[in-house]
C-alpha atoms as a PDB file:
ATOM      1  CA  MET A   1      27.698 -13.383 -20.544  1.00  0.00           C
ATOM      2  CA  ALA A   2      26.481 -12.827 -24.107  1.00  0.00           C
ATOM      3  CA  PHE A   3      28.555 -15.466 -25.976  1.00  0.00           C
ATOM      4  CA  SER A   4      26.937 -14.413 -29.257  1.00  0.00           C
ATOM      5  CA  ARG A   5      28.663 -11.079 -29.189  1.00  0.00           C
ATOM      6  CA  GLU A   6      32.027 -12.759 -28.984  1.00  0.00           C
ATOM      7  CA  ILE A   7      31.237 -14.958 -31.982  1.00  0.00           C
ATOM      8  CA  ILE A   8      29.896 -12.058 -33.992  1.00  0.00           C
ATOM      9  CA  LYS A   9      32.944  -9.959 -33.098  1.00  0.00           C
ATOM     10  CA  LYS A  10      35.121 -12.778 -34.475  1.00  0.00           C
ATOM     11  CA  VAL A  11      33.113 -12.874 -37.703  1.00  0.00           C
ATOM     12  CA  LEU A  12      33.427  -9.119 -38.128  1.00  0.00           C
ATOM     13  CA  GLN A  13      37.227  -9.433 -38.056  1.00  0.00           C
ATOM     14  CA  TYR A  14      37.203 -11.537 -41.215  1.00  0.00           C
ATOM     15  CA  VAL A  15      34.082 -10.479 -43.088  1.00  0.00           C
ATOM     16  CA  ARG A  16      33.280  -6.829 -43.755  1.00  0.00           C
ATOM     17  CA  PHE A  17      29.808  -5.939 -42.476  1.00  0.00           C
ATOM     18  CA  ARG A  18      28.163  -2.580 -42.017  1.00  0.00           C
ATOM     19  CA  VAL A  19      25.452  -1.342 -39.710  1.00  0.00           C
ATOM     20  CA  PRO A  20      22.415   0.144 -41.594  1.00  0.00           C
ATOM     21  CA  GLN A  21      20.705   3.214 -40.300  1.00  0.00           C
ATOM     22  CA  THR A  22      18.059   1.548 -38.142  1.00  0.00           C
ATOM     23  CA  GLU A  23      17.432   1.327 -34.369  1.00  0.00           C
ATOM     24  CA  GLU A  24      18.333  -2.429 -34.442  1.00  0.00           C
ATOM     25  CA  LYS A  25      21.207  -3.419 -32.187  1.00  0.00           C
ATOM     26  CA  ASN A  26      23.737  -6.231 -32.528  1.00  0.00           C
ATOM     27  CA  SER A  27      22.856  -6.805 -36.204  1.00  0.00           C
ATOM     28  CA  TYR A  28      25.163  -6.370 -39.125  1.00  0.00           C
ATOM     29  CA  TYR A  29      24.485  -6.451 -42.847  1.00  0.00           C
ATOM     30  CA  THR A  30      26.544  -6.961 -46.033  1.00  0.00           C
ATOM     31  CA  GLU A  31      26.375  -8.269 -49.567  1.00  0.00           C
ATOM     32  CA  ILE A  32      28.293 -11.352 -50.499  1.00  0.00           C
ATOM     33  CA  GLY A  33      28.140 -12.353 -54.180  1.00  0.00           C
ATOM     34  CA  ASN A  34      24.522 -11.916 -55.166  1.00  0.00           C
ATOM     35  CA  THR A  35      23.200 -12.507 -51.639  1.00  0.00           C
ATOM     36  CA  LEU A  36      22.352 -10.174 -48.801  1.00  0.00           C
ATOM     37  CA  VAL A  37      23.693 -11.479 -45.503  1.00  0.00           C
ATOM     38  CA  ARG A  38      22.817 -10.599 -41.913  1.00  0.00           C
ATOM     39  CA  VAL A  39      24.409 -11.781 -38.668  1.00  0.00           C
ATOM     40  CA  SER A  40      22.822 -11.062 -35.323  1.00  0.00           C
ATOM     41  CA  ASN A  41      22.045 -12.338 -31.830  1.00  0.00           C
ATOM     42  CA  HIS A  42      18.305 -12.367 -32.510  1.00  0.00           C
ATOM     43  CA  CYS A  43      15.926 -13.476 -35.305  1.00  0.00           C
ATOM     44  CA  THR A  44      15.270 -11.161 -38.238  1.00  0.00           C
ATOM     45  CA  TRP A  45      12.437  -8.671 -38.207  1.00  0.00           C
ATOM     46  CA  LEU A  46      11.007  -8.438 -41.688  1.00  0.00           C
ATOM     47  CA  TYR A  47      10.000  -4.760 -41.447  1.00  0.00           C
ATOM     48  CA  ARG A  48      13.685  -3.938 -40.857  1.00  0.00           C
ATOM     49  CA  TRP A  49      14.502  -5.531 -44.218  1.00  0.00           C
ATOM     50  CA  ASP A  50      11.690  -3.493 -45.778  1.00  0.00           C
ATOM     51  CA  GLU A  51      13.306  -0.278 -44.456  1.00  0.00           C
ATOM     52  CA  ILE A  52      16.773  -1.355 -45.573  1.00  0.00           C
ATOM     53  CA  LEU A  53      15.659  -2.308 -49.085  1.00  0.00           C
ATOM     54  CA  GLU A  54      13.917   1.063 -49.487  1.00  0.00           C
ATOM     55  CA  LYS A  55      17.163   2.863 -48.583  1.00  0.00           C
ATOM     56  CA  ASN A  56      19.278   0.575 -50.806  1.00  0.00           C
ATOM     57  CA  PRO A  57      17.357   0.102 -54.082  1.00  0.00           C
ATOM     58  CA  LYS A  58      20.238  -1.832 -55.646  1.00  0.00           C
ATOM     59  CA  TRP A  59      19.627  -4.598 -53.071  1.00  0.00           C
ATOM     60  CA  LYS A  60      16.003  -5.217 -54.132  1.00  0.00           C
ATOM     61  CA  GLY A  61      15.345  -8.635 -55.605  1.00  0.00           C
ATOM     62  CA  LYS A  62      18.454 -10.301 -54.177  1.00  0.00           C
ATOM     63  CA  PRO A  63      18.170 -13.443 -51.997  1.00  0.00           C
ATOM     64  CA  ILE A  64      18.569 -12.866 -48.271  1.00  0.00           C
ATOM     65  CA  VAL A  65      20.327 -14.994 -45.621  1.00  0.00           C
ATOM     66  CA  SER A  66      20.190 -14.363 -41.881  1.00  0.00           C
ATOM     67  CA  ILE A  67      22.571 -16.130 -39.469  1.00  0.00           C
ATOM     68  CA  VAL A  68      21.591 -15.946 -35.813  1.00  0.00           C
ATOM     69  CA  PHE A  69      23.478 -16.872 -32.637  1.00  0.00           C
ATOM     70  CA  GLU A  70      20.907 -17.077 -29.834  1.00  0.00           C
ATOM     71  CA  ASP A  71      22.322 -16.875 -26.340  1.00  0.00           C
ATOM     72  CA  SER A  72      19.264 -18.300 -24.506  1.00  0.00           C
ATOM     73  CA  GLY A  73      15.943 -19.381 -25.900  1.00  0.00           C
ATOM     74  CA  ASN A  74      14.065 -18.718 -29.114  1.00  0.00           C
ATOM     75  CA  THR A  75      13.938 -15.070 -30.119  1.00  0.00           C
ATOM     76  CA  PHE A  76      11.321 -15.579 -32.882  1.00  0.00           C
ATOM     77  CA  SER A  77       7.661 -14.594 -32.680  1.00  0.00           C
ATOM     78  CA  ASP A  78       4.959 -14.111 -35.258  1.00  0.00           C
ATOM     79  CA  LYS A  79       5.306 -10.369 -34.903  1.00  0.00           C
ATOM     80  CA  CYS A  80       8.734 -10.623 -36.555  1.00  0.00           C
ATOM     81  CA  LEU A  81       7.004 -11.396 -39.898  1.00  0.00           C
ATOM     82  CA  VAL A  82       4.591  -8.405 -39.912  1.00  0.00           C
ATOM     83  CA  LEU A  83       5.549  -5.403 -41.963  1.00  0.00           C
ATOM     84  CA  ARG A  84       4.577  -1.763 -41.193  1.00  0.00           C
ATOM     85  CA  ARG A  85       3.199  -1.118 -44.703  1.00  0.00           C
ATOM     86  CA  PHE A  86       1.554  -3.084 -47.488  1.00  0.00           C
ATOM     87  CA  ARG A  87       3.821  -4.794 -50.037  1.00  0.00           C
ATOM     88  CA  MET A  88       2.537  -6.507 -53.176  1.00  0.00           C
ATOM     89  CA  LYS A  89       5.550  -8.834 -53.167  1.00  0.00           C
ATOM     90  CA  PRO A  90       6.651 -10.386 -49.825  1.00  0.00           C
ATOM     91  CA  ILE A  91      10.139 -10.280 -48.400  1.00  0.00           C
ATOM     92  CA  LYS A  92      11.688 -13.765 -47.916  1.00  0.00           C
ATOM     93  CA  VAL A  93      14.641 -14.459 -45.657  1.00  0.00           C
ATOM     94  CA  MET A  94      16.315 -17.830 -45.184  1.00  0.00           C
ATOM     95  CA  GLU A  95      17.362 -17.937 -41.481  1.00  0.00           C
ATOM     96  CA  TYR A  96      19.962 -20.181 -39.906  1.00  0.00           C
ATOM     97  CA  VAL A  97      19.992 -20.325 -36.094  1.00  0.00           C
ATOM     98  CA  TYR A  98      22.782 -21.513 -33.759  1.00  0.00           C
ATOM     99  CA  PRO A  99      21.143 -22.178 -30.313  1.00  0.00           C
ATOM    100  CA  LEU A 100      24.003 -21.434 -27.858  1.00  0.00           C
ATOM    101  CA  GLN A 101      21.814 -22.042 -24.799  1.00  0.00           C
ATOM    102  CA  GLY A 102      24.274 -20.166 -22.617  1.00  0.00           C
ATOM    103  CA  ASN A 103      26.992 -22.714 -23.256  1.00  0.00           C
ATOM    104  CA  PRO A 104      30.397 -21.064 -23.957  1.00  0.00           C
ATOM    105  CA  GLN A 105      31.719 -24.382 -25.326  1.00  0.00           C
ATOM    106  CA  PHE A 106      28.940 -24.930 -27.847  1.00  0.00           C
ATOM    107  CA  ILE A 107      30.868 -23.040 -30.525  1.00  0.00           C
ATOM    108  CA  THR A 108      34.579 -23.815 -30.414  1.00  0.00           C
ATOM    109  CA  PRO A 109      37.376 -21.772 -32.026  1.00  0.00           C
ATOM    110  CA  GLN A 110      37.419 -24.322 -34.849  1.00  0.00           C
ATOM    111  CA  ASP A 111      33.664 -23.912 -35.298  1.00  0.00           C
ATOM    112  CA  GLU A 112      34.165 -20.129 -35.556  1.00  0.00           C
ATOM    113  CA  ARG A 113      36.609 -20.634 -38.400  1.00  0.00           C
ATOM    114  CA  LEU A 114      34.157 -22.939 -40.181  1.00  0.00           C
ATOM    115  CA  ILE A 115      31.304 -20.488 -39.785  1.00  0.00           C
ATOM    116  CA  ILE A 116      33.472 -17.671 -41.234  1.00  0.00           C
ATOM    117  CA  ASN A 117      34.412 -19.875 -44.161  1.00  0.00           C
ATOM    118  CA  GLY A 118      30.787 -20.722 -44.698  1.00  0.00           C
ATOM    119  CA  ILE A 119      29.734 -17.067 -44.682  1.00  0.00           C
ATOM    120  CA  LYS A 120      32.432 -16.183 -47.266  1.00  0.00           C
ATOM    121  CA  GLN A 121      31.149 -18.924 -49.532  1.00  0.00           C
ATOM    122  CA  ILE A 122      27.486 -17.888 -49.519  1.00  0.00           C
ATOM    123  CA  GLN A 123      26.002 -17.864 -53.022  1.00  0.00           C
ATOM    124  CA  GLY A 124      22.482 -17.877 -54.432  1.00  0.00           C
ATOM    125  CA  GLY A 125      20.838 -17.331 -51.077  1.00  0.00           C
ATOM    126  CA  LYS A 126      22.332 -20.496 -49.545  1.00  0.00           C
ATOM    127  CA  TYR A 127      24.555 -20.864 -46.511  1.00  0.00           C
ATOM    128  CA  THR A 128      26.355 -24.144 -45.788  1.00  0.00           C
ATOM    129  CA  ASP A 129      26.770 -24.969 -42.076  1.00  0.00           C
ATOM    130  CA  LEU A 130      30.096 -26.702 -41.784  1.00  0.00           C
ATOM    131  CA  THR A 131      29.798 -27.242 -38.011  1.00  0.00           C
ATOM    132  CA  ASN A 132      26.611 -29.370 -37.997  1.00  0.00           C
ATOM    133  CA  LYS A 133      25.475 -27.348 -34.984  1.00  0.00           C
ATOM    134  CA  CYS A 134      23.037 -25.097 -36.798  1.00  0.00           C
ATOM    135  CA  SER A 135      19.276 -25.718 -36.628  1.00  0.00           C
ATOM    136  CA  GLU A 136      17.389 -26.521 -39.836  1.00  0.00           C
ATOM    137  CA  PRO A 137      17.084 -23.357 -42.000  1.00  0.00           C
ATOM    138  CA  ILE A 138      13.766 -21.583 -41.772  1.00  0.00           C
ATOM    139  CA  LEU A 139      12.140 -19.547 -44.517  1.00  0.00           C
ATOM    140  CA  ARG A 140      10.758 -16.303 -42.993  1.00  0.00           C
ATOM    141  CA  THR A 141       8.142 -14.767 -45.268  1.00  0.00           C
ATOM    142  CA  SER A 142       6.800 -11.303 -44.537  1.00  0.00           C
ATOM    143  CA  GLN A 143       3.113 -10.641 -43.861  1.00  0.00           C
ATOM    144  CA  ASN A 144       1.268  -7.437 -44.593  1.00  0.00           C
ATOM    145  CA  PRO A 145      -0.155  -5.535 -41.609  1.00  0.00           C
ATOM    146  CA  PRO A 146      -3.865  -6.331 -41.096  1.00  0.00           C
ATOM    147  CA  ASP A 147      -4.993  -2.700 -40.980  1.00  0.00           C
ATOM    148  CA  VAL A 148      -2.997  -1.150 -43.791  1.00  0.00           C
ATOM    149  CA  PRO A 149      -4.563  -1.018 -47.315  1.00  0.00           C
ATOM    150  CA  PRO A 150      -2.662  -2.030 -50.494  1.00  0.00           C
ATOM    151  CA  THR A 151      -1.950   1.533 -51.528  1.00  0.00           C
ATOM    152  CA  LYS A 152       0.519   0.578 -54.268  1.00  0.00           C
ATOM    153  CA  THR A 153      -2.154  -0.246 -56.828  1.00  0.00           C
ATOM    154  CA  MET A 154      -4.874   2.059 -55.588  1.00  0.00           C
ATOM    155  CA  ASN A 155      -5.716   5.487 -56.964  1.00  0.00           C
ATOM    156  CA  ASN A 156      -7.356   8.233 -54.892  1.00  0.00           C
ATOM    157  CA  ASN A 157     -10.925   7.153 -55.610  1.00  0.00           C
ATOM    158  CA  GLU A 158     -10.098   3.543 -54.609  1.00  0.00           C
ATOM    159  CA  ASN A 159      -8.452   4.706 -51.359  1.00  0.00           C
ATOM    160  CA  LYS A 160     -11.639   6.648 -50.529  1.00  0.00           C
ATOM    161  CA  GLN A 161     -13.761   3.599 -51.312  1.00  0.00           C
ATOM    162  CA  TYR A 162     -11.496   1.493 -49.066  1.00  0.00           C
ATOM    163  CA  LYS A 163     -12.026   3.848 -46.095  1.00  0.00           C
ATOM    164  CA  ARG A 164     -15.761   3.692 -46.621  1.00  0.00           C
ATOM    165  CA  ASN A 165     -15.661  -0.103 -46.795  1.00  0.00           C
ATOM    166  CA  THR A 166     -13.749  -0.413 -43.532  1.00  0.00           C
ATOM    167  CA  ASN A 167     -16.625   1.269 -41.729  1.00  0.00           C
ATOM    168  CA  MET A 168     -19.161  -1.194 -43.049  1.00  0.00           C
ATOM    169  CA  ASN A 169     -19.869  -4.780 -42.080  1.00  0.00           C
ATOM    170  CA  LYS A 170     -19.471  -6.973 -45.133  1.00  0.00           C
ATOM    171  CA  LYS A 171     -20.062 -10.650 -45.554  1.00  0.00           C
ATOM    172  CA  LEU A 172     -16.823 -12.471 -46.184  1.00  0.00           C
ATOM    173  CA  ILE A 173     -16.692 -14.658 -49.270  1.00  0.00           C
ATOM    174  CA  ARG A 174     -13.939 -17.280 -49.673  1.00  0.00           C
ATOM    175  CA  LEU A 175     -12.624 -17.601 -53.221  1.00  0.00           C
ATOM    176  CA  THR A 176     -10.102 -20.065 -54.450  1.00  0.00           C
ATOM    177  CA  GLU A 177      -7.674 -19.154 -57.221  1.00  0.00           C
ATOM    178  CA  SER A 178      -9.633 -21.334 -59.709  1.00  0.00           C
ATOM    179  CA  ASP A 179     -12.965 -19.693 -58.683  1.00  0.00           C
ATOM    180  CA  LEU A 180     -11.536 -16.223 -59.352  1.00  0.00           C
ATOM    181  CA  HIS A 181     -10.194 -17.146 -62.796  1.00  0.00           C
ATOM    182  CA  ARG A 182     -13.490 -18.824 -63.678  1.00  0.00           C
ATOM    183  CA  ILE A 183     -15.484 -15.712 -62.713  1.00  0.00           C
ATOM    184  CA  VAL A 184     -13.293 -13.413 -64.717  1.00  0.00           C
ATOM    185  CA  LYS A 185     -13.216 -15.764 -67.708  1.00  0.00           C
ATOM    186  CA  GLU A 186     -17.000 -16.230 -67.817  1.00  0.00           C
ATOM    187  CA  SER A 187     -17.712 -12.523 -67.451  1.00  0.00           C
ATOM    188  CA  VAL A 188     -15.359 -11.449 -70.191  1.00  0.00           C
ATOM    189  CA  LYS A 189     -16.524 -14.268 -72.460  1.00  0.00           C
ATOM    190  CA  LYS A 190     -20.156 -13.238 -72.028  1.00  0.00           C
ATOM    191  CA  THR A 191     -19.329  -9.672 -73.102  1.00  0.00           C
ATOM    192  CA  LEU A 192     -17.282 -10.731 -76.091  1.00  0.00           C
ATOM    193  CA  LEU A 193     -20.212 -12.703 -77.410  1.00  0.00           C
ATOM    194  CA  GLN A 194     -22.330  -9.534 -77.609  1.00  0.00           C
ATOM    195  CA  GLU A 195     -22.829  -7.838 -80.974  1.00  0.00           C
ATOM    196  CA  LYS A 196     -20.797  -4.719 -80.104  1.00  0.00           C
ATOM    197  CA  VAL A 197     -17.523  -5.026 -78.185  1.00  0.00           C
ATOM    198  CA  TRP A 198     -15.395  -2.198 -79.513  1.00  0.00           C
ATOM    199  CA  ASP A 199     -16.558   1.389 -79.578  1.00  0.00           C
ATOM    200  CA  GLN A 200     -15.793   2.549 -83.133  1.00  0.00           C
ATOM    201  CA  THR A 201     -15.370   6.158 -81.930  1.00  0.00           C
ATOM    202  CA  ASN A 202     -12.647   5.020 -79.527  1.00  0.00           C
ATOM    203  CA  PRO A 203     -10.564   2.375 -81.277  1.00  0.00           C
ATOM    204  CA  TYR A 204      -7.914   2.198 -78.515  1.00  0.00           C
ATOM    205  CA  GLY A 205     -10.348   2.016 -75.590  1.00  0.00           C
ATOM    206  CA  LEU A 206     -12.922  -0.495 -74.421  1.00  0.00           C
ATOM    207  CA  SER A 207     -16.654  -0.377 -75.119  1.00  0.00           C
ATOM    208  CA  ASN A 208     -19.231   0.636 -72.574  1.00  0.00           C
ATOM    209  CA  GLU A 209     -20.502  -2.956 -72.583  1.00  0.00           C
ATOM    210  CA  LEU A 210     -17.150  -4.462 -71.656  1.00  0.00           C
ATOM    211  CA  MET A 211     -16.403  -1.723 -69.084  1.00  0.00           C
ATOM    212  CA  ASP A 212     -19.794  -2.413 -67.437  1.00  0.00           C
ATOM    213  CA  VAL A 213     -18.618  -5.970 -66.785  1.00  0.00           C
ATOM    214  CA  LEU A 214     -15.017  -5.169 -65.751  1.00  0.00           C
ATOM    215  CA  LEU A 215     -15.683  -2.349 -63.356  1.00  0.00           C
ATOM    216  CA  PRO A 216     -17.842  -4.325 -60.870  1.00  0.00           C
ATOM    217  CA  LEU A 217     -15.071  -6.948 -60.623  1.00  0.00           C
ATOM    218  CA  LYS A 218     -12.590  -4.570 -59.076  1.00  0.00           C
ATOM    219  CA  GLU A 219     -14.187  -4.370 -55.620  1.00  0.00           C
ATOM    220  CA  PRO A 220     -14.624  -8.145 -55.027  1.00  0.00           C
ATOM    221  CA  LEU A 221     -11.108  -8.701 -56.398  1.00  0.00           C
ATOM    222  CA  TYR A 222      -9.746  -6.201 -53.957  1.00  0.00           C
ATOM    223  CA  ARG A 223     -11.555  -7.862 -51.053  1.00  0.00           C
ATOM    224  CA  ALA A 224     -10.329 -11.241 -52.197  1.00  0.00           C
ATOM    225  CA  LEU A 225      -6.775  -9.879 -52.219  1.00  0.00           C
ATOM    226  CA  ARG A 226      -7.127  -8.634 -48.650  1.00  0.00           C
ATOM    227  CA  MET A 227      -8.700 -11.947 -47.551  1.00  0.00           C
ATOM    228  CA  ALA A 228      -6.018 -14.077 -49.253  1.00  0.00           C
ATOM    229  CA  SER A 229      -3.305 -12.485 -47.051  1.00  0.00           C
ATOM    230  CA  LYS A 230      -5.048 -13.874 -43.982  1.00  0.00           C
ATOM    231  CA  GLU A 231      -5.786 -17.424 -45.301  1.00  0.00           C
ATOM    232  CA  ASN A 232      -4.600 -20.124 -42.918  1.00  0.00           C
ATOM    233  CA  ILE A 233      -2.702 -22.133 -45.515  1.00  0.00           C
ATOM    234  CA  ASP A 234       0.899 -22.945 -46.296  1.00  0.00           C
ATOM    235  CA  GLY A 235       2.910 -19.712 -46.626  1.00  0.00           C
ATOM    236  CA  GLU A 236       4.137 -20.380 -50.142  1.00  0.00           C
ATOM    237  CA  LYS A 237       0.695 -21.409 -51.405  1.00  0.00           C
ATOM    238  CA  ARG A 238      -0.822 -18.313 -49.829  1.00  0.00           C
ATOM    239  CA  GLN A 239       1.769 -16.117 -51.502  1.00  0.00           C
ATOM    240  CA  ARG A 240       1.116 -17.696 -54.909  1.00  0.00           C
ATOM    241  CA  LEU A 241      -2.554 -16.986 -54.434  1.00  0.00           C
ATOM    242  CA  ILE A 242      -1.823 -13.372 -53.516  1.00  0.00           C
ATOM    243  CA  ASP A 243       0.458 -12.943 -56.528  1.00  0.00           C
ATOM    244  CA  LYS A 244      -2.274 -14.381 -58.851  1.00  0.00           C
ATOM    245  CA  LEU A 245      -4.914 -12.100 -57.367  1.00  0.00           C
ATOM    246  CA  SER A 246      -2.598  -9.100 -57.654  1.00  0.00           C
ATOM    247  CA  ASP A 247      -1.930  -9.810 -61.307  1.00  0.00           C
ATOM    248  CA  VAL A 248      -5.655 -10.062 -62.142  1.00  0.00           C
ATOM    249  CA  TYR A 249      -6.481  -6.954 -60.097  1.00  0.00           C
ATOM    250  CA  ASP A 250      -3.688  -4.914 -61.763  1.00  0.00           C
ATOM    251  CA  THR A 251      -4.816  -6.075 -65.212  1.00  0.00           C
ATOM    252  CA  ILE A 252      -8.448  -5.079 -64.677  1.00  0.00           C
ATOM    253  CA  SER A 253      -7.397  -1.820 -63.102  1.00  0.00           C
ATOM    254  CA  SER A 254      -5.244  -0.924 -66.089  1.00  0.00           C
ATOM    255  CA  LEU A 255      -8.057  -1.891 -68.516  1.00  0.00           C
ATOM    256  CA  CYS A 256     -10.584   0.254 -66.631  1.00  0.00           C
ATOM    257  CA  SER A 257      -8.273   3.258 -66.552  1.00  0.00           C
ATOM    258  CA  ALA A 258      -7.989   3.080 -70.326  1.00  0.00           C
ATOM    259  CA  ARG A 259     -11.605   4.126 -70.546  1.00  0.00           C
ATOM    260  CA  TYR A 260     -10.737   7.554 -69.132  1.00  0.00           C
ATOM    261  CA  THR A 261      -7.308   8.084 -70.616  1.00  0.00           C
ATOM    262  CA  ASP A 262      -7.829   7.050 -74.213  1.00  0.00           C
ATOM    263  CA  SER A 263     -10.946   9.074 -74.953  1.00  0.00           C
ATOM    264  CA  ASP A 264     -13.305  11.667 -73.473  1.00  0.00           C
ATOM    265  CA  THR A 265     -16.345  10.240 -75.272  1.00  0.00           C
ATOM    266  CA  TYR A 266     -17.531   8.196 -72.306  1.00  0.00           C
END
C-alpha cells in the first residue's frame, strides 16, 4: 500500500494545490506566501522546476520548498539535479523528506495535522517540521547538462565557434576565480597604459588596441565557464565561481559588441 498517497490526499483537503502541465505523477504545486511549495511521494526533479518556471514567469526568483513522503527507500539520484538546457542561474530547492519505510504508523493522524499546519506557515523558503520525523533538509541545486552549450549569452558566431570547438581536442586548463580576475585585470591595465586608448573618431566605442586585448579573452573565459560547472567542489562554492565567471564573460561580450554597434569605422 502506498501510504504516501493517503497522507498527500489529507494535505490536499486543507491546502489548495494544483497539478502543473507536466508528465510528473503524484506531485502537486502551489504558492504559499512568497514561497513555491511542492508535495510528492518522490524527490524533486530540477528540470521539472525549470519547465514550470518557464510556464509561470511570475514564480521566477521565489524560494522553493519540496516536501516528500517516501514509501520505501531513497528516491533521489544525481540525475534528479541535471537540467535539459543550460541555465546561467541555477534552480535551488530545499527538500524535506519523511521516510515512511512502508510503516503505516510512522505518520499518525496527529502528525498529519502538524504537517498541514507547518505547510500553511511556510515563509521565506523555510518549512518547520513539527513532528520531528522529517530528515534533515537538503538543498538541491540544479546542474547544467554536460553536452548543452550556454546559449543564453552566445550570439550566432559564438554558437558556430562552440560547435567547432567540440570537435577538437583541447588541453584543459584549471583556473581559480582569483586567477581569472588577475588575468583580466593585468590585460586591461596593460592596454590602458598605452598612449592611445580611445579612438577619437568613435568616442562611444573602444579603441582597436583595447579590443585586441579583450577579444582573445572571450574564448578562454567561455571554456572556464564550462569547466567550472564540472568542478568537484562544494555546490555553493561552485555556483559562486560560475556566477563570477558569467559576470566577467557577459561584461567582456558587451564591451566587444560595442565595437560593431557604435561605429562602422572598424
